[in-house]
């Protein structure tokens, strides 16, 4: 599965991932249930997706039951294939509003949210969470409560909310919880290679991959091959030289411009273009030019004029 990453896993990124590795299940960036319920233009613009991205899961964050009730109905109307509730985001602005991983501290509300969603949509409802708030002592009870409330799958990131992204992800508590649950469990955290995915799958039902894909979407295909999900010949290979990488970057950029418009499309792609060229000889010079590009044609001209030292 593709992890939801705010500001990164937009429709353009998901389209690229699905082109490279068709079996992947995509999850949107975390989107506000309140924003959907209130009809926010910004939020609704982020709900757009292409059929090629399916199966497409909508990830929601919030804390108000009535807003979740409305949001899951909208998800159904828009053709999403599932709804995932974010109970794991550790960003301060999210937890300060009692959203994301803050829900771990209010389990009864967390269970009510799942129950509300499950009762108001035909779509499968899942949850993404963490080991706990301070430690993993509440993980089993929390996950059992989510299952009893109607969650049909749980993804667990192997860190506590307090850890944010510090230290190494601990997958052992995830394996233990899997033994107690009747629903699928997916693991997440520190998957940086195909070897990591194979080593960490254990008794789990799936792997969710996030930050390591930024600038390296081909990793998802390598993981799928290593796990026996598909064969390498059926996937899009890595670019073999800078000429192929350049065309891939521009291909990704074209998706972004199509979905977001010329101005926002290029602005949102600046950090992604910089990630694609990270580590190349002369990358610093090229990056400084690309992050100032304001039009698709300008980005192409910059890439066309660049030669590796």
C-alpha atoms as a PDB file:
ATOM      1  CA  UNK A   1       0.000   0.000   0.000  1.00  0.00           C
ATOM      2  CA  UNK A   2       1.013   3.596  -0.623  1.00  0.00           C
ATOM      3  CA  UNK A   3       1.114   5.535   2.652  1.00  0.00           C
ATOM      4  CA  UNK A   4      -0.802   8.807   2.877  1.00  0.00           C
ATOM      5  CA  UNK A   5       1.695  11.677   3.030  1.00  0.00           C
ATOM      6  CA  UNK A   6       0.357  15.213   3.312  1.00  0.00           C
ATOM      7  CA  UNK A   7       1.737  17.412   0.552  1.00  0.00           C
ATOM      8  CA  UNK A   8       3.229  14.490  -1.359  1.00  0.00           C
ATOM      9  CA  UNK A   9       0.824  11.683  -2.291  1.00  0.00           C
ATOM     10  CA  UNK A  10      -1.459  13.761  -4.474  1.00  0.00           C
ATOM     11  CA  UNK A  11      -3.195  12.413  -7.569  1.00  0.00           C
ATOM     12  CA  UNK A  12      -0.138  12.954  -9.795  1.00  0.00           C
ATOM     13  CA  UNK A  13       2.095  10.976  -7.421  1.00  0.00           C
ATOM     14  CA  UNK A  14      -0.463   8.199  -7.137  1.00  0.00           C
ATOM     15  CA  UNK A  15      -0.784   7.962 -10.920  1.00  0.00           C
ATOM     16  CA  UNK A  16       2.976   7.580 -11.209  1.00  0.00           C
ATOM     17  CA  UNK A  17       3.047   4.881  -8.526  1.00  0.00           C
ATOM     18  CA  UNK A  18       0.254   2.939 -10.253  1.00  0.00           C
ATOM     19  CA  UNK A  19       1.992   3.153 -13.637  1.00  0.00           C
ATOM     20  CA  UNK A  20       5.122   1.643 -12.129  1.00  0.00           C
ATOM     21  CA  UNK A  21       3.400  -0.925  -9.901  1.00  0.00           C
ATOM     22  CA  UNK A  22      -0.250  -1.585 -10.873  1.00  0.00           C
ATOM     23  CA  UNK A  23      -1.108  -3.882  -7.886  1.00  0.00           C
ATOM     24  CA  UNK A  24      -0.519  -1.092  -5.333  1.00  0.00           C
ATOM     25  CA  UNK A  25      -3.459   0.121  -3.255  1.00  0.00           C
ATOM     26  CA  UNK A  26      -3.381   3.930  -3.108  1.00  0.00           C
ATOM     27  CA  UNK A  27      -4.428   6.061  -0.155  1.00  0.00           C
ATOM     28  CA  UNK A  28      -5.017   9.802  -0.503  1.00  0.00           C
ATOM     29  CA  UNK A  29      -3.325  12.492   1.532  1.00  0.00           C
ATOM     30  CA  UNK A  30      -5.088  12.871   4.867  1.00  0.00           C
ATOM     31  CA  UNK A  31      -8.136  15.066   4.222  1.00  0.00           C
ATOM     32  CA  UNK A  32     -10.391  16.845   6.658  1.00  0.00           C
ATOM     33  CA  UNK A  33     -13.790  15.294   7.340  1.00  0.00           C
ATOM     34  CA  UNK A  34     -14.888  18.778   8.417  1.00  0.00           C
ATOM     35  CA  UNK A  35     -13.689  20.245   5.116  1.00  0.00           C
ATOM     36  CA  UNK A  36     -15.687  17.691   3.158  1.00  0.00           C
ATOM     37  CA  UNK A  37     -18.787  18.153   5.296  1.00  0.00           C
ATOM     38  CA  UNK A  38     -18.610  21.936   4.924  1.00  0.00           C
ATOM     39  CA  UNK A  39     -17.956  21.751   1.195  1.00  0.00           C
ATOM     40  CA  UNK A  40     -14.496  23.351   1.295  1.00  0.00           C
ATOM     41  CA  UNK A  41     -13.299  24.129  -2.237  1.00  0.00           C
ATOM     42  CA  UNK A  42      -9.700  23.351  -1.324  1.00  0.00           C
ATOM     43  CA  UNK A  43     -10.608  19.999   0.199  1.00  0.00           C
ATOM     44  CA  UNK A  44     -12.854  19.019  -2.697  1.00  0.00           C
ATOM     45  CA  UNK A  45     -10.098  19.877  -5.184  1.00  0.00           C
ATOM     46  CA  UNK A  46      -7.921  17.308  -3.377  1.00  0.00           C
ATOM     47  CA  UNK A  47     -10.619  14.647  -3.751  1.00  0.00           C
ATOM     48  CA  UNK A  48     -10.113  14.442  -7.514  1.00  0.00           C
ATOM     49  CA  UNK A  49      -8.574  11.245  -8.792  1.00  0.00           C
ATOM     50  CA  UNK A  50      -8.231   9.257 -12.003  1.00  0.00           C
ATOM     51  CA  UNK A  51      -9.647   5.802 -12.574  1.00  0.00           C
ATOM     52  CA  UNK A  52      -6.099   4.547 -13.085  1.00  0.00           C
ATOM     53  CA  UNK A  53      -5.429   5.139  -9.381  1.00  0.00           C
ATOM     54  CA  UNK A  54      -7.972   2.585  -8.223  1.00  0.00           C
ATOM     55  CA  UNK A  55      -8.378   0.920  -5.865  1.00  0.00           C
ATOM     56  CA  UNK A  56      -8.363   4.352  -4.242  1.00  0.00           C
ATOM     57  CA  UNK A  57      -8.887   4.788  -0.504  1.00  0.00           C
ATOM     58  CA  UNK A  58      -9.857   8.146   1.003  1.00  0.00           C
ATOM     59  CA  UNK A  59      -8.086   8.951   4.247  1.00  0.00           C
ATOM     60  CA  UNK A  60      -9.995  11.182   6.647  1.00  0.00           C
ATOM     61  CA  UNK A  61      -9.027  12.985   9.818  1.00  0.00           C
ATOM     62  CA  UNK A  62     -11.291  14.714  12.320  1.00  0.00           C
ATOM     63  CA  UNK A  63     -13.153  14.159  15.574  1.00  0.00           C
ATOM     64  CA  UNK A  64     -16.807  15.091  14.942  1.00  0.00           C
ATOM     65  CA  UNK A  65     -19.118  12.152  14.328  1.00  0.00           C
ATOM     66  CA  UNK A  66     -21.609  14.086  12.197  1.00  0.00           C
ATOM     67  CA  UNK A  67     -18.816  15.263   9.879  1.00  0.00           C
ATOM     68  CA  UNK A  68     -17.532  11.732   9.405  1.00  0.00           C
ATOM     69  CA  UNK A  69     -21.074  10.586   8.642  1.00  0.00           C
ATOM     70  CA  UNK A  70     -21.302  13.147   5.844  1.00  0.00           C
ATOM     71  CA  UNK A  71     -17.754  12.566   4.590  1.00  0.00           C
ATOM     72  CA  UNK A  72     -18.121   8.811   4.075  1.00  0.00           C
ATOM     73  CA  UNK A  73     -21.284   9.377   2.034  1.00  0.00           C
ATOM     74  CA  UNK A  74     -19.394  11.834  -0.154  1.00  0.00           C
ATOM     75  CA  UNK A  75     -16.607   9.266  -0.528  1.00  0.00           C
ATOM     76  CA  UNK A  76     -19.143   6.746  -1.762  1.00  0.00           C
ATOM     77  CA  UNK A  77     -20.706   9.232  -4.170  1.00  0.00           C
ATOM     78  CA  UNK A  78     -17.302  10.126  -5.637  1.00  0.00           C
ATOM     79  CA  UNK A  79     -16.404   6.510  -6.346  1.00  0.00           C
ATOM     80  CA  UNK A  80     -13.762   5.820  -3.708  1.00  0.00           C
ATOM     81  CA  UNK A  81     -13.110   2.158  -2.930  1.00  0.00           C
ATOM     82  CA  UNK A  82     -12.623   2.509   0.802  1.00  0.00           C
ATOM     83  CA  UNK A  83     -12.297   4.926   3.715  1.00  0.00           C
ATOM     84  CA  UNK A  84      -9.319   5.027   6.055  1.00  0.00           C
ATOM     85  CA  UNK A  85      -9.466   6.991   9.315  1.00  0.00           C
ATOM     86  CA  UNK A  86      -6.272   8.687  10.411  1.00  0.00           C
ATOM     87  CA  UNK A  87      -5.467   7.981  14.048  1.00  0.00           C
ATOM     88  CA  UNK A  88      -1.720   8.154  13.620  1.00  0.00           C
ATOM     89  CA  UNK A  89      -0.584  11.535  12.327  1.00  0.00           C
ATOM     90  CA  UNK A  90       1.779  13.079  14.935  1.00  0.00           C
ATOM     91  CA  UNK A  91       1.945  16.587  13.407  1.00  0.00           C
ATOM     92  CA  UNK A  92       1.495  19.176  16.145  1.00  0.00           C
ATOM     93  CA  UNK A  93      -1.226  21.142  14.360  1.00  0.00           C
ATOM     94  CA  UNK A  94      -3.179  17.887  13.925  1.00  0.00           C
ATOM     95  CA  UNK A  95      -2.882  16.560  17.480  1.00  0.00           C
ATOM     96  CA  UNK A  96      -3.431  20.019  19.004  1.00  0.00           C
ATOM     97  CA  UNK A  97      -6.915  19.858  17.472  1.00  0.00           C
ATOM     98  CA  UNK A  98      -7.404  16.380  18.978  1.00  0.00           C
ATOM     99  CA  UNK A  99      -7.203  14.758  15.557  1.00  0.00           C
ATOM    100  CA  UNK A 100      -4.840  12.085  14.221  1.00  0.00           C
ATOM    101  CA  UNK A 101      -2.847  10.226  16.863  1.00  0.00           C
ATOM    102  CA  UNK A 102      -4.486  12.294  19.624  1.00  0.00           C
ATOM    103  CA  UNK A 103      -7.473   9.943  19.233  1.00  0.00           C
ATOM    104  CA  UNK A 104      -5.350   7.215  20.828  1.00  0.00           C
ATOM    105  CA  UNK A 105      -5.847   9.125  24.107  1.00  0.00           C
ATOM    106  CA  UNK A 106      -9.647   9.127  23.670  1.00  0.00           C
ATOM    107  CA  UNK A 107     -10.362   5.524  22.653  1.00  0.00           C
ATOM    108  CA  UNK A 108     -14.130   5.689  23.144  1.00  0.00           C
ATOM    109  CA  UNK A 109     -14.339   8.576  20.686  1.00  0.00           C
ATOM    110  CA  UNK A 110     -12.056   6.701  18.290  1.00  0.00           C
ATOM    111  CA  UNK A 111     -14.350   3.658  18.425  1.00  0.00           C
ATOM    112  CA  UNK A 112     -17.426   5.848  17.926  1.00  0.00           C
ATOM    113  CA  UNK A 113     -15.877   7.391  14.817  1.00  0.00           C
ATOM    114  CA  UNK A 114     -15.249   3.961  13.317  1.00  0.00           C
ATOM    115  CA  UNK A 115     -18.751   2.800  14.225  1.00  0.00           C
ATOM    116  CA  UNK A 116     -20.289   5.932  12.675  1.00  0.00           C
ATOM    117  CA  UNK A 117     -18.365   5.477   9.444  1.00  0.00           C
ATOM    118  CA  UNK A 118     -19.095   1.752   9.203  1.00  0.00           C
ATOM    119  CA  UNK A 119     -22.818   2.299   9.726  1.00  0.00           C
ATOM    120  CA  UNK A 120     -23.095   5.048   7.124  1.00  0.00           C
ATOM    121  CA  UNK A 121     -21.290   3.585   4.127  1.00  0.00           C
ATOM    122  CA  UNK A 122     -21.077   0.381   2.148  1.00  0.00           C
ATOM    123  CA  UNK A 123     -17.355   1.004   1.690  1.00  0.00           C
ATOM    124  CA  UNK A 124     -14.818  -0.898   3.778  1.00  0.00           C
ATOM    125  CA  UNK A 125     -13.570   1.180   6.703  1.00  0.00           C
ATOM    126  CA  UNK A 126      -9.986   0.920   7.932  1.00  0.00           C
ATOM    127  CA  UNK A 127      -7.780   2.768  10.424  1.00  0.00           C
ATOM    128  CA  UNK A 128      -4.151   3.902  10.399  1.00  0.00           C
ATOM    129  CA  UNK A 129      -2.657   4.318  13.854  1.00  0.00           C
ATOM    130  CA  UNK A 130       0.536   4.039  15.912  1.00  0.00           C
ATOM    131  CA  UNK A 131       1.848   1.834  18.711  1.00  0.00           C
ATOM    132  CA  UNK A 132       0.364   4.177  21.279  1.00  0.00           C
ATOM    133  CA  UNK A 133       0.761   7.651  22.706  1.00  0.00           C
ATOM    134  CA  UNK A 134       3.696   7.248  25.127  1.00  0.00           C
ATOM    135  CA  UNK A 135       4.329   3.504  24.722  1.00  0.00           C
ATOM    136  CA  UNK A 136       2.693   0.385  23.316  1.00  0.00           C
ATOM    137  CA  UNK A 137       0.831  -0.685  26.454  1.00  0.00           C
ATOM    138  CA  UNK A 138      -2.605   0.236  25.054  1.00  0.00           C
ATOM    139  CA  UNK A 139      -2.109  -1.093  21.522  1.00  0.00           C
ATOM    140  CA  UNK A 140      -3.899  -4.419  21.866  1.00  0.00           C
ATOM    141  CA  UNK A 141      -6.980  -3.027  23.595  1.00  0.00           C
ATOM    142  CA  UNK A 142      -7.128  -0.103  21.176  1.00  0.00           C
ATOM    143  CA  UNK A 143      -6.962  -2.325  18.093  1.00  0.00           C
ATOM    144  CA  UNK A 144      -9.500  -4.791  19.478  1.00  0.00           C
ATOM    145  CA  UNK A 145     -11.818  -1.866  20.142  1.00  0.00           C
ATOM    146  CA  UNK A 146     -11.387  -0.614  16.574  1.00  0.00           C
ATOM    147  CA  UNK A 147     -12.139  -4.084  15.235  1.00  0.00           C
ATOM    148  CA  UNK A 148     -15.250  -4.415  17.385  1.00  0.00           C
ATOM    149  CA  UNK A 149     -16.427  -0.984  16.228  1.00  0.00           C
ATOM    150  CA  UNK A 150     -16.357  -2.089  12.582  1.00  0.00           C
ATOM    151  CA  UNK A 151     -12.838  -1.531  11.270  1.00  0.00           C
ATOM    152  CA  UNK A 152     -12.096  -4.033   8.508  1.00  0.00           C
ATOM    153  CA  UNK A 153      -8.337  -3.460   8.443  1.00  0.00           C
ATOM    154  CA  UNK A 154      -5.769  -1.717  10.640  1.00  0.00           C
ATOM    155  CA  UNK A 155      -2.424  -0.256   9.586  1.00  0.00           C
ATOM    156  CA  UNK A 156       0.056   0.285  12.405  1.00  0.00           C
ATOM    157  CA  UNK A 157       3.107   2.517  12.226  1.00  0.00           C
ATOM    158  CA  UNK A 158       5.832   1.101  14.454  1.00  0.00           C
ATOM    159  CA  UNK A 159       6.420   4.235  16.507  1.00  0.00           C
ATOM    160  CA  UNK A 160       4.494   6.006  19.252  1.00  0.00           C
ATOM    161  CA  UNK A 161       2.929   9.399  18.731  1.00  0.00           C
ATOM    162  CA  UNK A 162       5.553  10.931  21.028  1.00  0.00           C
ATOM    163  CA  UNK A 163       8.345   9.533  18.855  1.00  0.00           C
ATOM    164  CA  UNK A 164       6.992  11.152  15.712  1.00  0.00           C
ATOM    165  CA  UNK A 165       9.623   9.887  13.208  1.00  0.00           C
ATOM    166  CA  UNK A 166      12.525   9.580  15.621  1.00  0.00           C
ATOM    167  CA  UNK A 167      14.308   6.339  16.410  1.00  0.00           C
ATOM    168  CA  UNK A 168      13.735   3.029  14.669  1.00  0.00           C
ATOM    169  CA  UNK A 169      10.259   1.664  13.994  1.00  0.00           C
ATOM    170  CA  UNK A 170       9.419  -1.316  16.236  1.00  0.00           C
ATOM    171  CA  UNK A 171       7.420  -3.985  14.407  1.00  0.00           C
ATOM    172  CA  UNK A 172       7.326  -6.602  17.189  1.00  0.00           C
ATOM    173  CA  UNK A 173       4.179  -5.153  18.858  1.00  0.00           C
ATOM    174  CA  UNK A 174       2.484  -5.162  15.435  1.00  0.00           C
ATOM    175  CA  UNK A 175       3.151  -8.879  14.988  1.00  0.00           C
ATOM    176  CA  UNK A 176       1.739  -9.580  18.457  1.00  0.00           C
ATOM    177  CA  UNK A 177      -1.425  -7.575  17.821  1.00  0.00           C
ATOM    178  CA  UNK A 178      -1.948  -9.407  14.533  1.00  0.00           C
ATOM    179  CA  UNK A 179      -2.238 -12.656  16.508  1.00  0.00           C
ATOM    180  CA  UNK A 180      -5.146 -11.187  18.498  1.00  0.00           C
ATOM    181  CA  UNK A 181      -7.162  -9.733  15.619  1.00  0.00           C
ATOM    182  CA  UNK A 182      -9.442 -11.337  13.058  1.00  0.00           C
ATOM    183  CA  UNK A 183      -9.046  -8.568  10.465  1.00  0.00           C
ATOM    184  CA  UNK A 184      -6.055  -7.823   8.188  1.00  0.00           C
ATOM    185  CA  UNK A 185      -3.147  -5.907   9.711  1.00  0.00           C
ATOM    186  CA  UNK A 186      -0.656  -3.890   7.676  1.00  0.00           C
ATOM    187  CA  UNK A 187       2.711  -2.702   8.974  1.00  0.00           C
ATOM    188  CA  UNK A 188       4.340   0.656   8.317  1.00  0.00           C
ATOM    189  CA  UNK A 189       7.627   2.327   9.216  1.00  0.00           C
ATOM    190  CA  UNK A 190      11.227   2.299   7.961  1.00  0.00           C
ATOM    191  CA  UNK A 191      10.630   0.365   4.748  1.00  0.00           C
ATOM    192  CA  UNK A 192      13.561   1.680   2.718  1.00  0.00           C
ATOM    193  CA  UNK A 193      14.280  -1.299   0.478  1.00  0.00           C
ATOM    194  CA  UNK A 194      12.771  -4.485  -0.904  1.00  0.00           C
ATOM    195  CA  UNK A 195      14.887  -6.382   1.621  1.00  0.00           C
ATOM    196  CA  UNK A 196      13.286  -4.391   4.454  1.00  0.00           C
ATOM    197  CA  UNK A 197       9.823  -5.317   3.208  1.00  0.00           C
ATOM    198  CA  UNK A 198      10.611  -9.026   3.025  1.00  0.00           C
ATOM    199  CA  UNK A 199      12.269  -9.010   6.446  1.00  0.00           C
ATOM    200  CA  UNK A 200       9.456  -7.123   8.146  1.00  0.00           C
ATOM    201  CA  UNK A 201       6.342  -8.682   6.610  1.00  0.00           C
ATOM    202  CA  UNK A 202       6.302 -11.543   9.110  1.00  0.00           C
ATOM    203  CA  UNK A 203       2.759 -12.660   9.944  1.00  0.00           C
ATOM    204  CA  UNK A 204       1.201  -9.450   8.615  1.00  0.00           C
ATOM    205  CA  UNK A 205      -1.156  -9.106   5.684  1.00  0.00           C
ATOM    206  CA  UNK A 206       0.576  -6.222   3.968  1.00  0.00           C
ATOM    207  CA  UNK A 207       3.220  -3.517   3.905  1.00  0.00           C
ATOM    208  CA  UNK A 208       2.567   0.218   3.688  1.00  0.00           C
ATOM    209  CA  UNK A 209       5.420   2.269   2.220  1.00  0.00           C
ATOM    210  CA  UNK A 210       5.836   6.009   2.634  1.00  0.00           C
ATOM    211  CA  UNK A 211       8.790   8.393   2.776  1.00  0.00           C
ATOM    212  CA  UNK A 212      11.286   6.143   0.965  1.00  0.00           C
ATOM    213  CA  UNK A 213       9.227   6.496  -2.220  1.00  0.00           C
ATOM    214  CA  UNK A 214       9.782  10.232  -2.433  1.00  0.00           C
ATOM    215  CA  UNK A 215      12.130  10.654  -5.397  1.00  0.00           C
ATOM    216  CA  UNK A 216      12.239   6.866  -5.737  1.00  0.00           C
ATOM    217  CA  UNK A 217       8.786   5.556  -6.792  1.00  0.00           C
ATOM    218  CA  UNK A 218      10.424   2.533  -8.461  1.00  0.00           C
ATOM    219  CA  UNK A 219      11.060   1.120  -4.998  1.00  0.00           C
ATOM    220  CA  UNK A 220       7.402   0.095  -4.832  1.00  0.00           C
ATOM    221  CA  UNK A 221       7.865  -2.184  -7.843  1.00  0.00           C
ATOM    222  CA  UNK A 222      10.995  -3.744  -6.351  1.00  0.00           C
ATOM    223  CA  UNK A 223       9.074  -4.465  -3.160  1.00  0.00           C
ATOM    224  CA  UNK A 224       6.177  -6.010  -5.078  1.00  0.00           C
ATOM    225  CA  UNK A 225       8.591  -8.307  -6.926  1.00  0.00           C
ATOM    226  CA  UNK A 226      10.422  -9.268  -3.727  1.00  0.00           C
ATOM    227  CA  UNK A 227       7.112 -10.160  -2.050  1.00  0.00           C
ATOM    228  CA  UNK A 228       6.046 -12.264  -5.042  1.00  0.00           C
ATOM    229  CA  UNK A 229       3.098 -10.027  -5.932  1.00  0.00           C
ATOM    230  CA  UNK A 230       4.213  -9.600  -9.544  1.00  0.00           C
ATOM    231  CA  UNK A 231       7.147 -10.169 -11.883  1.00  0.00           C
ATOM    232  CA  UNK A 232       9.733  -7.572 -12.832  1.00  0.00           C
ATOM    233  CA  UNK A 233       8.870  -7.871 -16.532  1.00  0.00           C
ATOM    234  CA  UNK A 234       5.362  -6.591 -15.793  1.00  0.00           C
ATOM    235  CA  UNK A 235       6.576  -3.399 -14.105  1.00  0.00           C
ATOM    236  CA  UNK A 236       8.040  -0.121 -15.298  1.00  0.00           C
ATOM    237  CA  UNK A 237      11.837  -0.240 -14.739  1.00  0.00           C
ATOM    238  CA  UNK A 238      14.036   2.471 -13.298  1.00  0.00           C
ATOM    239  CA  UNK A 239      15.403   5.005 -15.792  1.00  0.00           C
ATOM    240  CA  UNK A 240      18.763   3.752 -17.008  1.00  0.00           C
ATOM    241  CA  UNK A 241      20.266   7.202 -17.576  1.00  0.00           C
ATOM    242  CA  UNK A 242      19.603  10.908 -17.071  1.00  0.00           C
ATOM    243  CA  UNK A 243      17.784  11.223 -20.408  1.00  0.00           C
ATOM    244  CA  UNK A 244      15.171   8.689 -19.269  1.00  0.00           C
ATOM    245  CA  UNK A 245      14.969  10.233 -15.797  1.00  0.00           C
ATOM    246  CA  UNK A 246      14.344  13.650 -17.334  1.00  0.00           C
ATOM    247  CA  UNK A 247      11.445  12.325 -19.408  1.00  0.00           C
ATOM    248  CA  UNK A 248      10.010  10.592 -16.352  1.00  0.00           C
ATOM    249  CA  UNK A 249      10.158  13.804 -14.311  1.00  0.00           C
ATOM    250  CA  UNK A 250       8.382  15.695 -17.088  1.00  0.00           C
ATOM    251  CA  UNK A 251       5.802  12.912 -17.353  1.00  0.00           C
ATOM    252  CA  UNK A 252       5.089  13.240 -13.625  1.00  0.00           C
ATOM    253  CA  UNK A 253       4.926  17.010 -14.014  1.00  0.00           C
ATOM    254  CA  UNK A 254       2.342  16.667 -16.790  1.00  0.00           C
ATOM    255  CA  UNK A 255       0.069  14.738 -14.410  1.00  0.00           C
ATOM    256  CA  UNK A 256       0.458  17.475 -11.799  1.00  0.00           C
ATOM    257  CA  UNK A 257      -0.384  20.245 -14.273  1.00  0.00           C
ATOM    258  CA  UNK A 258      -3.380  18.288 -15.577  1.00  0.00           C
ATOM    259  CA  UNK A 259      -4.822  17.779 -12.096  1.00  0.00           C
ATOM    260  CA  UNK A 260      -3.919  21.121 -10.487  1.00  0.00           C
ATOM    261  CA  UNK A 261      -3.542  23.582 -13.329  1.00  0.00           C
ATOM    262  CA  UNK A 262      -0.407  25.151 -14.770  1.00  0.00           C
ATOM    263  CA  UNK A 263       0.596  27.375 -11.840  1.00  0.00           C
ATOM    264  CA  UNK A 264      -0.157  25.136  -8.857  1.00  0.00           C
ATOM    265  CA  UNK A 265       0.943  22.043 -10.766  1.00  0.00           C
ATOM    266  CA  UNK A 266       4.489  23.322 -11.178  1.00  0.00           C
ATOM    267  CA  UNK A 267       4.632  24.810  -7.666  1.00  0.00           C
ATOM    268  CA  UNK A 268       3.608  21.527  -6.065  1.00  0.00           C
ATOM    269  CA  UNK A 269       6.142  19.620  -8.183  1.00  0.00           C
ATOM    270  CA  UNK A 270       9.183  21.702  -7.232  1.00  0.00           C
ATOM    271  CA  UNK A 271      10.063  19.625  -4.171  1.00  0.00           C
ATOM    272  CA  UNK A 272       9.357  16.410  -6.075  1.00  0.00           C
ATOM    273  CA  UNK A 273      11.609  17.370  -8.986  1.00  0.00           C
ATOM    274  CA  UNK A 274      14.349  18.196  -6.487  1.00  0.00           C
ATOM    275  CA  UNK A 275      13.924  14.762  -4.893  1.00  0.00           C
ATOM    276  CA  UNK A 276      14.244  12.968  -8.245  1.00  0.00           C
ATOM    277  CA  UNK A 277      17.672  14.492  -8.935  1.00  0.00           C
ATOM    278  CA  UNK A 278      19.056  14.174  -5.418  1.00  0.00           C
ATOM    279  CA  UNK A 279      22.507  12.601  -5.481  1.00  0.00           C
ATOM    280  CA  UNK A 280      23.232  13.298  -9.134  1.00  0.00           C
ATOM    281  CA  UNK A 281      26.498  15.081  -9.980  1.00  0.00           C
ATOM    282  CA  UNK A 282      25.659  18.755 -10.290  1.00  0.00           C
ATOM    283  CA  UNK A 283      22.290  18.266  -8.578  1.00  0.00           C
ATOM    284  CA  UNK A 284      22.635  21.380  -6.413  1.00  0.00           C
ATOM    285  CA  UNK A 285      22.880  23.668  -9.452  1.00  0.00           C
ATOM    286  CA  UNK A 286      20.033  21.926 -11.258  1.00  0.00           C
ATOM    287  CA  UNK A 287      17.854  21.963  -8.132  1.00  0.00           C
ATOM    288  CA  UNK A 288      18.357  25.690  -7.603  1.00  0.00           C
ATOM    289  CA  UNK A 289      17.005  26.296 -11.113  1.00  0.00           C
ATOM    290  CA  UNK A 290      14.129  23.798 -10.989  1.00  0.00           C
ATOM    291  CA  UNK A 291      12.715  25.123  -7.709  1.00  0.00           C
ATOM    292  CA  UNK A 292      12.291  28.517  -9.364  1.00  0.00           C
ATOM    293  CA  UNK A 293      10.512  27.191 -12.461  1.00  0.00           C
ATOM    294  CA  UNK A 294       7.065  28.711 -12.920  1.00  0.00           C
ATOM    295  CA  UNK A 295       5.861  26.924 -16.063  1.00  0.00           C
ATOM    296  CA  UNK A 296       5.993  23.393 -17.426  1.00  0.00           C
ATOM    297  CA  UNK A 297       7.899  24.614 -20.487  1.00  0.00           C
ATOM    298  CA  UNK A 298      10.460  26.315 -18.257  1.00  0.00           C
ATOM    299  CA  UNK A 299      11.097  23.090 -16.332  1.00  0.00           C
ATOM    300  CA  UNK A 300      11.597  21.230 -19.622  1.00  0.00           C
ATOM    301  CA  UNK A 301      14.068  23.852 -20.881  1.00  0.00           C
ATOM    302  CA  UNK A 302      16.058  23.642 -17.623  1.00  0.00           C
ATOM    303  CA  UNK A 303      16.224  19.847 -17.769  1.00  0.00           C
ATOM    304  CA  UNK A 304      17.070  19.861 -21.510  1.00  0.00           C
ATOM    305  CA  UNK A 305      19.965  22.241 -20.963  1.00  0.00           C
ATOM    306  CA  UNK A 306      21.482  20.211 -18.123  1.00  0.00           C
ATOM    307  CA  UNK A 307      24.267  17.719 -18.753  1.00  0.00           C
ATOM    308  CA  UNK A 308      25.903  15.553 -16.139  1.00  0.00           C
ATOM    309  CA  UNK A 309      29.434  16.749 -15.228  1.00  0.00           C
END
